[in-house]
Amino acid sequence: MQLEELLVHKEAILTPISDSDPCGEDPKYEDAYSEIKEEVGKMSALGSGSPDWNKVEEHSIKLLKETAKELNLFAYLGFVWSQKYKLAGMTAGMDIAAEALMKFWDDMHPSAKKVRIRARAVDWYHTRLLEQLPDCKSEDRELLQKSLDAVKALKNAVYEKFEDPPVNFRKIRTTFEEWLAQAPEPEPEKPPEPEKPPEPPPQAAAAPAPAAAPAAAAPAAPVAAAPAPAAGPAIQAPAVAGDASLDDVAKALVQMATALRTADPAHPLGYQLRRMGIWARVKMPKVNNNREMLIPGPQPNVIKQIELAMSKSNWTALQAQVEGFFTSAPLWLDLQFYAAQAAENQSQDDILSIIKAETKRFVARFEELLDIKFKGGMALASPQTKDWLEQISREGGGGGGEPDPAAELRSALRSHGAGAFADALNAGQAAIDSASDPRGKMRMRIEVAGFCLEADQPSWADAMLRGLVEELEYYRVAQFEPKLAGKAWRFMLEASRKLKAFDPAYGDMEQRAMRQLAQLDLSHIGDFPVELKKKGPGGFGGGFGKGPAAPKPAAAPAPAADAKPAGK
C-alpha cells in the first residue's frame, strides 16, 4: 500500500472526538481495546498463536476515529502498519503519532499525570520500530525523505512534550539517512530536442555577387553576471604574517572560530576551527609515577553543572558549558563526549561528525592521554568516554558496522540521568528483556549496575553485581571473555569500596574483587590506589591490613532465574 493511501485516515484520526471532549473517553473498557491487547500480547506468549494484525489495524483505526485519542493506540497502529506495509506504513504511523502528540498532549489518554505510562508507550513503539527496521529498507528516495522528515517530527514532538524524553530515535534516523545516501539518484530528464527550423521557400537562382570584404567584428554586448550564491556570515580573517609560527596560526584559528560562532552559533565550521586551533598548541604533558599531571582537575562546581545539564537533557546548556570549559581544559577528553551527546540529541549531524573526526585525530596524536590523570587522580577520559572513543574509532574503519547495544543502553541511561533514576532503570530492564541471548542480557545488566554507581546508588549496584559475579564464575566467563568479566569486577570493587565507608563488612568483597581484577584487567587498577598507613612496629594499617578474609556468601538478591547457582 502506498503512503498516500494510508494517510487518507490521517484527517479523521486527528479530528477531535467532540468539541467538548476532544480526546473522548478512556478506551481501556472497550471490548475492541481488550481484543487489541490480546492480539499484541500473543507476540510474547508461547502457544497462543499468531497475532491477527488485521484485527489490530481495524480496531485501532476505529477507536482513534470514534472513541478516544490514546497513546497506546497510536503506537499499536504505527507498529501494525510497519508490519503490513513496511516503510510506507512506518512513515505514516510516525507522521500521525507526531501530530497527535502536538495536538492532543494535554487531554489524551493515559492522563498527563501518568507520564511514566505515556513514556512506556513511546518506548514500546520505538522498540517495535527498531525490530521492523531491517525489513523496511527501500531505495525510493522520495519515500525515504518523507520517512526521515516523519521520524524527525516524532522525535521533536517527544522532546517537546516529555520533560525527560524516553527515547531519541537516533538509530532510526541515522538508518534512514544511510539508506537515502545509498539510494540511486534519479536519472536527469533528457532535454527536448530542438525543433527543426522551417525550410526557406525556394528562390530563383541569381548570379553570384562578388565577395565582399569581411566586416570588422562588433564588440560583444556585455553579459550580466550570474548572481552569486548567498554567503554565510562575513568573517574578517585575522592577519597572519608570512613568517608566523604555528602558535600564531593556532591563535588565528581560534579567533576565527569565536567570530564565526558569534555570528552563527550553529555553523559547524566554528566547532572545527576551534578544535583545530586549541589542539594544535597542545604538547604531551609530563606525568609522575602515578600517571598524574601537575595540572589540577576541573572544579567540582564545573562537573556538577555538566551532570545537571545531562540529567535534565538540557542539551543547549550542555553544549554552551562544554565549549566554554574546552578552552581552559583542552586535555579533558570527557568534554568531547559531552559535546557529542549535546550535538547528537539536537540532531546537529554536521557538528557531531566534526566533533568525532577532530577528537579521533587528536587522540591518534596522543594515545597516552587515555591513561593519564589530572593532579588528584581524576582521569582525563572516564570509562564512558573511553567506550565512546573506541566506538568512533570503529566507525572510521570501514563502514562502522552495527551499533553496540550496550553502548546504546549506556547512552540512554545517561540521557535519563540520576534525576530520573526510576525511568532509567525501566529503560534498563527493557534492554535486558530485549537482549536475544544470555551474554547480551549479562552485558545489559553490567551497564545498569555501572549506571547505578554513576547515580550514587552503590547499594543497588552491589545487589545487582553479587548475582552477576556468581554467574561469571559459574560459567567461567573470564576464560573466554576477560574484558567483560573485568568490567563487572571493576564495578564490584567500586561499589564495595564506597559501601565499606558505611559498613566494614564490605571489605571482604572489596578484596575479592581486587584479586579478580588483578588477574583479569590491569588497566582498571590505576583507578583504585591503595594507601598503606603505618600501624606500628613491623606492620601497616589500611590497605589489606592482616590479609584478605574468605569472601562471605552473597547477601544481596540471588542470581537471575536462568543462572545456575555457583558450586552446583
Protein backbone atom coordinates (compact mmCIF):
# COMPACT_ATOMS: atom_id res chain seq x y z
CA MET A 1 0.00 0.00 0.00
CA GLN A 2 1.27 3.48 -0.84
CA LEU A 3 1.90 6.18 1.75
CA GLU A 4 -0.86 8.36 0.33
CA GLU A 5 -3.39 5.54 0.72
CA LEU A 6 -2.55 5.17 4.41
CA LEU A 7 -2.67 8.90 5.07
CA VAL A 8 -6.31 9.09 3.95
CA HIS A 9 -7.05 8.05 7.56
CA LYS A 10 -4.99 10.91 8.98
CA GLU A 11 -7.60 13.67 8.93
CA ALA A 12 -10.27 11.56 10.64
CA ILE A 13 -7.84 10.17 13.23
CA LEU A 14 -6.66 13.68 14.14
CA THR A 15 -10.18 15.13 14.27
CA PRO A 16 -11.35 15.68 17.89
CA ILE A 17 -13.95 13.19 19.13
CA SER A 18 -16.18 16.14 20.09
CA ASP A 19 -15.86 19.84 20.78
CA SER A 20 -16.44 19.37 24.50
CA ASP A 21 -14.26 16.26 24.87
CA PRO A 22 -11.65 16.24 22.09
CA CYS A 23 -9.93 13.05 23.30
CA GLY A 24 -13.05 11.11 24.26
CA GLU A 25 -13.36 8.50 26.99
CA ASP A 26 -10.59 6.19 28.17
CA PRO A 27 -10.86 3.21 25.79
CA LYS A 28 -9.48 0.58 28.18
CA TYR A 29 -13.01 -0.65 28.97
CA GLU A 30 -13.93 -1.13 25.30
CA ASP A 31 -14.11 -4.71 24.02
CA ALA A 32 -12.19 -3.69 20.89
CA TYR A 33 -9.36 -2.34 23.05
CA SER A 34 -9.18 -5.59 25.02
CA GLU A 35 -9.02 -7.55 21.76
CA ILE A 36 -6.14 -5.37 20.54
CA LYS A 37 -4.21 -6.00 23.77
CA GLU A 38 -4.90 -9.72 23.48
CA GLU A 39 -3.57 -9.90 19.92
CA VAL A 40 -0.48 -7.83 20.69
CA GLY A 41 0.16 -9.99 23.75
CA LYS A 42 0.48 -13.04 21.52
CA MET A 43 3.86 -11.69 20.38
CA SER A 44 5.44 -12.80 23.66
CA ALA A 45 3.06 -15.57 24.79
CA LEU A 46 4.09 -19.12 23.91
CA GLY A 47 1.47 -21.42 22.40
CA SER A 48 -1.12 -18.68 21.88
CA GLY A 49 -0.96 -18.50 18.09
CA SER A 50 -0.03 -15.64 15.79
CA PRO A 51 -1.47 -12.15 16.26
CA ASP A 52 -4.32 -11.10 13.98
CA TRP A 53 -2.77 -7.90 12.66
CA ASN A 54 -5.80 -7.08 10.52
CA LYS A 55 -7.93 -7.01 13.66
CA VAL A 56 -5.38 -4.78 15.43
CA GLU A 57 -5.37 -2.38 12.47
CA GLU A 58 -9.15 -2.20 12.10
CA HIS A 59 -9.88 -1.79 15.82
CA SER A 60 -7.11 0.80 16.31
CA ILE A 61 -8.33 2.97 13.43
CA LYS A 62 -11.96 2.72 14.54
CA LEU A 63 -11.23 3.58 18.18
CA LEU A 64 -8.96 6.50 17.26
CA LYS A 65 -11.57 7.94 14.92
CA GLU A 66 -14.68 7.40 17.04
CA THR A 67 -13.82 6.76 20.70
CA ALA A 68 -10.53 8.10 22.06
CA LYS A 69 -7.17 9.66 21.36
CA GLU A 70 -5.00 7.23 23.30
CA LEU A 71 -1.22 6.97 23.05
CA ASN A 72 -1.06 3.17 23.08
CA LEU A 73 -3.50 3.04 20.16
CA PHE A 74 -1.24 5.32 18.11
CA ALA A 75 1.68 3.01 18.96
CA TYR A 76 -0.27 -0.15 18.03
CA LEU A 77 -1.43 1.35 14.74
CA GLY A 78 2.05 2.59 13.82
CA PHE A 79 3.54 -0.80 14.61
CA VAL A 80 0.98 -2.86 12.70
CA TRP A 81 1.31 -0.57 9.69
CA SER A 82 5.08 -1.07 9.70
CA GLN A 83 4.42 -4.84 9.88
CA LYS A 84 1.99 -4.86 6.96
CA TYR A 85 3.14 -2.03 4.72
CA LYS A 86 6.86 -1.75 5.55
CA LEU A 87 8.45 1.69 5.12
CA ALA A 88 5.27 3.39 3.91
CA GLY A 89 3.42 2.11 6.98
CA MET A 90 6.22 3.06 9.35
CA THR A 91 6.30 6.57 7.89
CA ALA A 92 2.53 7.07 8.06
CA GLY A 93 2.42 5.86 11.67
CA MET A 94 5.22 8.17 12.81
CA ASP A 95 3.73 11.12 10.94
CA ILE A 96 0.31 10.69 12.58
CA ALA A 97 1.78 9.99 16.04
CA ALA A 98 3.91 13.16 15.88
CA GLU A 99 0.92 15.36 15.06
CA ALA A 100 -1.23 13.63 17.68
CA LEU A 101 1.31 14.35 20.42
CA MET A 102 1.43 18.01 19.46
CA LYS A 103 -2.35 18.38 19.11
CA PHE A 104 -3.78 16.26 21.94
CA TRP A 105 -0.99 16.09 24.55
CA ASP A 106 -2.87 17.83 27.38
CA ASP A 107 -6.05 15.70 27.16
CA MET A 108 -5.04 12.43 25.52
CA HIS A 109 -5.12 9.10 27.33
CA PRO A 110 -3.41 7.93 29.51
CA SER A 111 -3.78 11.06 31.65
CA ALA A 112 -0.95 13.60 31.65
CA LYS A 113 -0.48 12.73 35.33
CA LYS A 114 0.63 9.25 34.24
CA VAL A 115 3.67 10.46 32.35
CA ARG A 116 5.62 7.25 33.01
CA ILE A 117 2.89 5.18 31.39
CA ARG A 118 3.00 7.53 28.41
CA ALA A 119 6.77 7.17 28.29
CA ARG A 120 6.48 3.38 28.30
CA ALA A 121 4.08 3.55 25.34
CA VAL A 122 6.58 5.63 23.35
CA ASP A 123 9.44 3.32 24.36
CA TRP A 124 7.42 0.24 23.31
CA TYR A 125 6.62 1.83 19.95
CA HIS A 126 10.27 2.79 19.41
CA THR A 127 11.46 -0.75 20.24
CA ARG A 128 8.97 -2.32 17.83
CA LEU A 129 10.04 0.05 15.04
CA LEU A 130 13.67 -0.89 15.59
CA GLU A 131 12.71 -4.54 15.25
CA GLN A 132 10.92 -3.84 11.97
CA LEU A 133 13.62 -1.59 10.56
CA PRO A 134 15.64 -4.25 8.67
CA ASP A 135 12.51 -5.31 6.75
CA CYS A 136 11.68 -1.77 5.66
CA LYS A 137 14.71 -0.93 3.52
CA SER A 138 13.88 0.98 0.37
CA GLU A 139 15.60 2.77 -2.50
CA ASP A 140 12.67 5.13 -3.09
CA ARG A 141 14.33 8.50 -2.48
CA GLU A 142 11.07 10.41 -2.22
CA LEU A 143 9.65 7.97 0.35
CA LEU A 144 12.93 7.90 2.29
CA GLN A 145 12.94 11.69 2.54
CA LYS A 146 9.38 11.62 3.88
CA SER A 147 10.40 8.89 6.32
CA LEU A 148 13.30 10.99 7.56
CA ASP A 149 11.02 14.01 7.97
CA ALA A 150 8.50 11.88 9.89
CA VAL A 151 10.99 10.45 12.39
CA LYS A 152 12.47 13.92 12.99
CA ALA A 153 8.96 15.29 13.60
CA LEU A 154 8.20 12.47 16.04
CA LYS A 155 11.49 12.95 17.86
CA ASN A 156 10.87 16.71 18.13
CA ALA A 157 7.34 16.13 19.46
CA VAL A 158 8.60 13.68 22.09
CA TYR A 159 11.35 16.08 23.16
CA GLU A 160 8.94 19.00 23.36
CA LYS A 161 6.27 17.20 25.38
CA PHE A 162 8.29 14.95 27.71
CA GLU A 163 10.42 16.63 30.35
CA ASP A 164 12.63 13.52 30.28
CA PRO A 165 12.30 12.06 26.76
CA PRO A 166 12.22 8.25 26.92
CA VAL A 167 13.92 7.70 23.54
CA ASN A 168 15.80 9.73 20.93
CA PHE A 169 15.03 7.78 17.70
CA ARG A 170 18.71 8.14 16.71
CA LYS A 171 19.11 4.65 15.23
CA ILE A 172 16.01 5.02 13.05
CA ARG A 173 17.04 8.49 11.91
CA THR A 174 20.60 7.53 11.01
CA THR A 175 19.41 4.40 9.21
CA PHE A 176 17.09 6.46 7.02
CA GLU A 177 19.95 8.86 6.30
CA GLU A 178 22.21 5.97 5.27
CA TRP A 179 19.54 4.49 3.00
CA LEU A 180 18.91 7.88 1.44
CA ALA A 181 22.63 8.37 0.79
CA GLN A 182 22.84 4.92 -0.84
CA ALA A 183 19.68 5.28 -2.94
CA PRO A 184 20.39 5.82 -6.65
CA GLU A 185 19.92 9.32 -7.92
CA PRO A 186 17.04 9.71 -10.38
CA GLU A 187 18.19 9.97 -13.97
CA PRO A 188 18.01 13.56 -15.19
CA GLU A 189 15.32 14.21 -17.76
CA LYS A 190 16.64 14.49 -21.27
CA PRO A 191 16.23 17.98 -22.69
CA PRO A 192 13.71 18.13 -25.54
CA GLU A 193 15.24 18.02 -28.97
CA PRO A 194 15.26 21.44 -30.62
CA GLU A 195 12.67 21.86 -33.32
CA LYS A 196 14.00 21.99 -36.84
CA PRO A 197 13.63 25.44 -38.39
CA PRO A 198 11.24 25.54 -41.33
CA GLU A 199 12.91 25.22 -44.68
CA PRO A 200 13.11 28.52 -46.59
CA PRO A 201 10.93 28.79 -49.66
CA PRO A 202 12.75 28.10 -52.92
CA GLN A 203 14.12 31.20 -54.63
CA ALA A 204 15.22 31.82 -58.16
CA ALA A 205 18.89 31.40 -58.70
CA ALA A 206 20.76 34.67 -59.01
CA ALA A 207 24.18 35.47 -60.33
CA PRO A 208 26.70 35.31 -57.56
CA ALA A 209 27.75 38.71 -56.31
CA PRO A 210 31.40 39.44 -55.82
CA ALA A 211 32.58 38.54 -52.34
CA ALA A 212 32.67 41.50 -50.02
CA ALA A 213 35.45 42.09 -47.58
CA PRO A 214 34.57 40.75 -44.14
CA ALA A 215 33.27 43.40 -41.78
CA ALA A 216 35.06 44.08 -38.55
CA ALA A 217 33.53 42.13 -35.71
CA ALA A 218 31.38 44.30 -33.49
CA PRO A 219 32.27 44.26 -29.83
CA ALA A 220 30.20 41.71 -27.92
CA ALA A 221 27.44 43.13 -25.76
CA PRO A 222 28.21 42.82 -22.06
CA VAL A 223 26.54 39.80 -20.43
CA ALA A 224 25.02 40.29 -16.98
CA ALA A 225 26.92 38.27 -14.38
CA ALA A 226 25.04 35.43 -12.69
CA PRO A 227 24.00 36.27 -9.12
CA ALA A 228 26.44 34.92 -6.55
CA PRO A 229 25.15 32.32 -4.12
CA ALA A 230 24.09 33.56 -0.72
CA ALA A 231 27.13 33.71 1.51
CA GLY A 232 27.38 32.78 5.15
CA PRO A 233 28.25 35.33 7.80
CA ALA A 234 31.10 37.56 6.71
CA ILE A 235 34.08 36.89 8.97
CA GLN A 236 37.21 39.04 8.87
CA ALA A 237 40.18 36.67 8.99
CA PRO A 238 42.90 37.87 11.36
CA ALA A 239 46.12 38.94 9.72
CA VAL A 240 48.94 36.39 9.96
CA ALA A 241 52.47 37.31 8.92
CA GLY A 242 54.27 35.25 6.31
CA ASP A 243 56.80 34.04 8.89
CA ALA A 244 54.14 33.29 11.51
CA SER A 245 54.74 30.45 13.94
CA LEU A 246 52.39 27.53 14.49
CA ASP A 247 51.26 29.25 17.67
CA ASP A 248 50.27 32.38 15.71
CA VAL A 249 48.27 30.32 13.21
CA ALA A 250 46.55 28.40 16.00
CA LYS A 251 45.56 31.63 17.73
CA ALA A 252 44.19 32.96 14.46
CA LEU A 253 42.07 29.82 14.00
CA VAL A 254 40.59 30.22 17.48
CA GLN A 255 39.82 33.89 16.78
CA MET A 256 38.07 32.96 13.54
CA ALA A 257 36.12 30.21 15.30
CA THR A 258 34.99 32.63 18.01
CA ALA A 259 33.87 35.20 15.45
CA LEU A 260 32.06 32.56 13.40
CA ARG A 261 30.24 31.08 16.40
CA THR A 262 29.22 34.58 17.49
CA ALA A 263 27.74 35.28 14.05
CA ASP A 264 26.20 31.81 13.59
CA PRO A 265 26.31 29.55 16.68
CA ALA A 266 25.05 26.53 14.71
CA HIS A 267 27.68 26.73 11.96
CA PRO A 268 29.76 23.51 12.10
CA LEU A 269 32.92 25.23 10.86
CA GLY A 270 33.12 27.18 14.12
CA TYR A 271 33.41 23.92 16.07
CA GLN A 272 36.06 22.57 13.70
CA LEU A 273 38.29 25.66 13.67
CA ARG A 274 38.05 25.89 17.45
CA ARG A 275 39.32 22.34 17.94
CA MET A 276 42.00 22.68 15.29
CA GLY A 277 43.30 25.87 16.87
CA ILE A 278 43.21 24.78 20.51
CA TRP A 279 44.62 21.31 19.95
CA ALA A 280 47.35 22.49 17.55
CA ARG A 281 49.19 24.02 20.52
CA VAL A 282 48.88 21.00 22.83
CA LYS A 283 52.02 19.11 23.84
CA MET A 284 52.29 15.83 25.69
CA PRO A 285 52.13 16.68 29.42
CA LYS A 286 54.67 15.48 31.95
CA VAL A 287 53.38 12.95 34.47
CA ASN A 288 54.62 11.39 37.72
CA ASN A 289 54.90 7.71 38.57
CA ASN A 290 51.14 7.54 39.18
CA ARG A 291 50.47 8.87 35.66
CA GLU A 292 49.23 12.15 37.14
CA MET A 293 49.90 15.56 35.57
CA LEU A 294 50.74 18.68 37.52
CA ILE A 295 47.52 20.22 36.17
CA PRO A 296 44.63 20.08 38.68
CA GLY A 297 41.30 18.63 37.60
CA PRO A 298 38.12 20.61 36.96
CA GLN A 299 36.42 22.24 39.92
CA PRO A 300 33.52 20.29 41.49
CA ASN A 301 31.04 23.00 40.50
CA VAL A 302 32.05 22.57 36.84
CA ILE A 303 31.38 18.83 36.98
CA LYS A 304 28.10 19.47 38.80
CA GLN A 305 26.93 21.90 36.10
CA ILE A 306 27.61 19.35 33.38
CA GLU A 307 25.95 16.50 35.27
CA LEU A 308 22.89 18.66 35.95
CA ALA A 309 22.51 19.58 32.28
CA MET A 310 22.88 15.91 31.31
CA SER A 311 20.32 14.73 33.87
CA LYS A 312 17.80 17.34 32.67
CA SER A 313 18.52 16.62 28.99
CA ASN A 314 19.25 20.33 28.61
CA TRP A 315 21.42 19.88 25.54
CA THR A 316 21.65 23.58 24.65
CA ALA A 317 23.05 24.42 28.08
CA LEU A 318 25.38 21.41 27.99
CA GLN A 319 26.76 22.47 24.61
CA ALA A 320 27.46 26.01 25.83
CA GLN A 321 29.14 24.76 29.01
CA VAL A 322 31.36 22.28 27.21
CA GLU A 323 32.57 24.79 24.63
CA GLY A 324 33.27 27.28 27.42
CA PHE A 325 35.29 24.82 29.53
CA PHE A 326 37.16 23.44 26.50
CA THR A 327 39.45 26.49 26.25
CA SER A 328 40.85 26.02 29.76
CA ALA A 329 40.80 22.19 29.76
CA PRO A 330 41.76 21.01 26.26
CA LEU A 331 43.10 17.67 27.57
CA TRP A 332 39.87 16.74 29.36
CA LEU A 333 38.52 14.22 26.85
CA ASP A 334 35.22 13.84 28.70
CA LEU A 335 34.27 17.26 27.32
CA GLN A 336 34.26 15.88 23.78
CA PHE A 337 31.99 13.02 24.84
CA TYR A 338 29.56 15.54 26.33
CA ALA A 339 29.84 17.75 23.24
CA ALA A 340 28.94 14.78 21.05
CA GLN A 341 25.96 13.94 23.28
CA ALA A 342 24.68 17.51 23.03
CA ALA A 343 25.04 17.65 19.24
CA GLU A 344 23.52 14.21 18.72
CA ASN A 345 20.46 14.91 20.84
CA GLN A 346 19.85 18.16 18.97
CA SER A 347 20.13 16.38 15.59
CA GLN A 348 23.17 18.53 14.70
CA ASP A 349 24.65 15.85 12.48
CA ASP A 350 27.31 18.05 10.84
CA ILE A 351 28.59 19.28 14.20
CA LEU A 352 28.56 15.72 15.57
CA SER A 353 30.64 14.47 12.64
CA ILE A 354 33.21 17.23 13.18
CA ILE A 355 33.49 16.56 16.92
CA LYS A 356 34.06 12.86 16.25
CA ALA A 357 36.59 13.43 13.46
CA GLU A 358 38.67 16.07 15.26
CA THR A 359 38.65 14.13 18.54
CA LYS A 360 39.71 10.98 16.74
CA ARG A 361 42.63 12.81 15.11
CA PHE A 362 43.70 14.35 18.41
CA VAL A 363 43.65 11.04 20.29
CA ALA A 364 45.63 9.42 17.47
CA ARG A 365 48.38 12.00 18.16
CA PHE A 366 48.37 11.43 21.93
CA GLU A 367 47.11 7.93 22.65
CA GLU A 368 48.80 8.03 26.07
CA LEU A 369 46.22 10.57 27.26
CA LEU A 370 43.72 7.75 27.73
CA ASP A 371 45.69 6.52 30.76
CA ILE A 372 46.70 9.90 32.21
CA LYS A 373 45.04 11.68 35.13
CA PHE A 374 44.73 15.18 36.46
CA LYS A 375 46.54 16.05 39.67
CA GLY A 376 44.46 14.39 42.35
CA GLY A 377 43.63 11.26 40.37
CA MET A 378 40.70 12.18 38.10
CA ALA A 379 41.12 10.52 34.69
CA LEU A 380 41.23 12.62 31.52
CA ALA A 381 38.94 10.02 29.95
CA SER A 382 36.26 8.35 32.05
CA PRO A 383 35.17 4.78 31.25
CA GLN A 384 32.20 6.01 29.19
CA THR A 385 34.46 8.36 27.24
CA LYS A 386 36.87 5.50 26.51
CA ASP A 387 33.95 3.42 25.27
CA TRP A 388 32.84 6.30 23.05
CA LEU A 389 36.35 6.78 21.66
CA GLU A 390 36.55 3.08 20.87
CA GLN A 391 33.20 3.30 19.11
CA ILE A 392 34.16 6.23 16.88
CA SER A 393 37.45 4.51 16.12
CA ARG A 394 35.48 1.52 14.79
CA GLU A 395 33.17 3.81 12.80
CA GLY A 396 36.07 5.10 10.78
CA GLY A 397 37.48 1.68 9.94
CA GLY A 398 35.23 0.68 7.10
CA GLY A 399 31.57 1.39 7.31
CA GLY A 400 31.13 1.39 11.07
CA GLY A 401 29.15 -1.84 11.43
CA GLU A 402 26.15 -2.29 13.66
CA PRO A 403 25.86 -0.09 16.76
CA ASP A 404 26.76 -1.77 20.05
CA PRO A 405 23.57 -2.39 22.07
CA ALA A 406 25.46 -1.99 25.36
CA ALA A 407 26.81 1.40 24.24
CA GLU A 408 23.32 2.46 23.16
CA LEU A 409 21.91 1.46 26.56
CA ARG A 410 24.72 3.31 28.33
CA SER A 411 23.88 6.46 26.35
CA ALA A 412 20.17 6.06 27.05
CA LEU A 413 20.72 5.63 30.79
CA ARG A 414 22.87 8.74 30.96
CA SER A 415 20.29 10.68 28.98
CA HIS A 416 17.81 9.93 31.77
CA GLY A 417 20.36 10.88 34.42
CA ALA A 418 20.29 10.38 38.17
CA GLY A 419 17.32 12.72 38.44
CA ALA A 420 15.14 10.16 36.63
CA PHE A 421 16.59 7.05 38.27
CA ALA A 422 13.36 5.02 38.12
CA ASP A 423 12.78 5.81 34.45
CA ALA A 424 16.38 4.93 33.65
CA LEU A 425 16.01 1.54 35.33
CA ASN A 426 12.79 0.93 33.40
CA ALA A 427 14.77 1.52 30.21
CA GLY A 428 17.50 -0.78 31.52
CA GLN A 429 15.03 -3.56 32.23
CA ALA A 430 13.55 -3.18 28.75
CA ALA A 431 17.04 -3.55 27.25
CA ILE A 432 17.72 -6.64 29.37
CA ASP A 433 14.42 -8.18 28.30
CA SER A 434 15.06 -7.47 24.63
CA ALA A 435 18.57 -8.99 24.59
CA SER A 436 18.49 -12.10 22.44
CA ASP A 437 20.95 -14.30 24.35
CA PRO A 438 22.35 -14.80 27.89
CA ARG A 439 25.58 -12.98 27.06
CA GLY A 440 23.62 -9.97 25.80
CA LYS A 441 21.49 -9.93 28.95
CA MET A 442 24.64 -10.07 31.07
CA ARG A 443 26.14 -7.10 29.22
CA MET A 444 22.96 -5.08 29.74
CA ARG A 445 22.91 -5.90 33.46
CA ILE A 446 26.53 -4.78 33.81
CA GLU A 447 25.66 -1.46 32.16
CA VAL A 448 22.72 -0.92 34.52
CA ALA A 449 24.96 -1.67 37.51
CA GLY A 450 27.50 0.85 36.24
CA PHE A 451 24.76 3.46 35.90
CA CYS A 452 23.69 2.80 39.50
CA LEU A 453 27.22 3.70 40.58
CA GLU A 454 27.17 6.88 38.49
CA ALA A 455 23.81 7.78 40.04
CA ASP A 456 25.32 7.39 43.54
CA GLN A 457 23.30 4.24 44.26
CA PRO A 458 26.08 1.79 45.26
CA SER A 459 23.70 -0.41 47.27
CA TRP A 460 21.64 -1.20 44.17
CA ALA A 461 24.82 -1.73 42.16
CA ASP A 462 26.07 -4.16 44.80
CA ALA A 463 22.74 -6.01 44.78
CA MET A 464 22.93 -6.49 41.02
CA LEU A 465 26.62 -7.30 40.84
CA ARG A 466 26.71 -10.01 43.50
CA GLY A 467 24.43 -12.18 41.42
CA LEU A 468 26.32 -11.28 38.26
CA VAL A 469 29.77 -12.20 39.52
CA GLU A 470 28.48 -15.56 40.75
CA GLU A 471 27.20 -16.23 37.23
CA LEU A 472 30.51 -15.10 35.75
CA GLU A 473 32.38 -17.61 37.86
CA TYR A 474 29.90 -20.44 37.29
CA TYR A 475 30.04 -20.07 33.50
CA ARG A 476 33.82 -19.38 33.52
CA VAL A 477 33.30 -16.20 31.52
CA ALA A 478 36.75 -14.92 32.50
CA GLN A 479 38.41 -17.68 30.47
CA PHE A 480 36.95 -16.64 27.12
CA GLU A 481 35.90 -13.02 27.69
CA PRO A 482 38.18 -11.44 30.31
CA LYS A 483 37.26 -7.86 29.36
CA LEU A 484 33.58 -8.45 30.12
CA ALA A 485 34.37 -10.17 33.41
CA GLY A 486 36.87 -7.44 34.27
CA LYS A 487 34.25 -4.75 33.79
CA ALA A 488 31.86 -6.48 36.18
CA TRP A 489 34.55 -6.94 38.83
CA ARG A 490 35.64 -3.32 38.41
CA PHE A 491 32.12 -2.15 39.24
CA MET A 492 32.01 -4.67 42.11
CA LEU A 493 35.21 -3.18 43.51
CA GLU A 494 33.90 0.37 43.18
CA ALA A 495 30.61 -0.49 44.89
CA SER A 496 32.32 -2.38 47.72
CA ARG A 497 34.79 0.42 48.35
CA LYS A 498 32.01 3.01 48.56
CA LEU A 499 29.87 0.87 50.87
CA LYS A 500 32.82 -0.09 53.10
CA ALA A 501 32.84 3.51 54.34
CA PHE A 502 29.48 2.75 56.00
CA ASP A 503 29.94 -0.94 56.81
CA PRO A 504 33.41 -2.52 57.14
CA ALA A 505 31.92 -5.92 56.23
CA TYR A 506 32.05 -4.87 52.58
CA GLY A 507 35.84 -5.04 52.83
CA ASP A 508 35.71 -8.79 52.18
CA MET A 509 34.07 -8.32 48.78
CA GLU A 510 36.41 -5.40 48.05
CA GLN A 511 39.45 -7.63 48.49
CA ARG A 512 37.87 -10.45 46.49
CA ALA A 513 37.20 -8.01 43.64
CA MET A 514 40.77 -6.72 43.80
CA ARG A 515 42.16 -10.25 43.45
CA GLN A 516 39.90 -10.99 40.50
CA LEU A 517 40.67 -7.70 38.77
CA ALA A 518 44.40 -8.18 39.20
CA GLN A 519 44.13 -11.39 37.18
CA LEU A 520 41.75 -10.08 34.51
CA ASP A 521 42.46 -6.49 33.52
CA LEU A 522 45.26 -4.40 34.99
CA SER A 523 44.07 -1.28 33.15
CA HIS A 524 41.39 -0.74 35.83
CA ILE A 525 43.71 -0.97 38.81
CA GLY A 526 45.08 2.55 38.43
CA ASP A 527 41.65 3.93 39.34
CA PHE A 528 41.77 2.21 42.75
CA PRO A 529 45.07 3.03 44.50
CA VAL A 530 45.62 1.57 47.98
CA GLU A 531 47.17 3.81 50.61
CA LEU A 532 49.09 1.91 53.29
CA LYS A 533 49.24 3.65 56.65
CA LYS A 534 51.88 2.87 59.26
CA LYS A 535 50.19 0.86 62.02
CA GLY A 536 53.06 0.23 64.38
CA PRO A 537 56.37 -1.59 64.59
CA GLY A 538 56.53 -4.17 61.87
CA GLY A 539 53.03 -3.60 60.48
CA PHE A 540 50.90 -1.39 58.32
CA GLY A 541 47.32 -0.29 58.65
CA GLY A 542 44.84 0.46 55.93
CA GLY A 543 45.02 -1.29 52.63
CA PHE A 544 44.92 -5.03 53.18
CA GLY A 545 45.55 -4.98 56.96
CA LYS A 546 46.05 -8.57 58.10
CA GLY A 547 45.19 -10.02 54.75
CA PRO A 548 42.03 -10.92 52.96
CA ALA A 549 39.40 -12.94 54.71
CA ALA A 550 37.40 -15.61 52.96
CA PRO A 551 34.59 -13.99 51.00
CA LYS A 552 31.19 -14.12 52.66
CA PRO A 553 28.18 -15.59 50.86
CA ALA A 554 26.30 -13.07 48.76
CA ALA A 555 23.76 -11.28 50.94
CA ALA A 556 22.10 -9.49 48.05
CA PRO A 557 19.42 -10.83 45.68
CA ALA A 558 20.15 -14.19 44.10
CA PRO A 559 21.39 -14.53 40.52
CA ALA A 560 18.97 -14.31 37.63
CA ALA A 561 16.47 -17.13 37.32
CA ASP A 562 18.14 -18.61 34.28
CA ALA A 563 21.53 -18.89 36.01
CA LYS A 564 22.56 -21.96 37.95
CA PRO A 565 23.85 -21.36 41.49
CA ALA A 566 27.59 -21.45 41.84
CA GLY A 567 29.16 -24.62 43.07
CA LYS A 568 26.43 -26.98 41.84
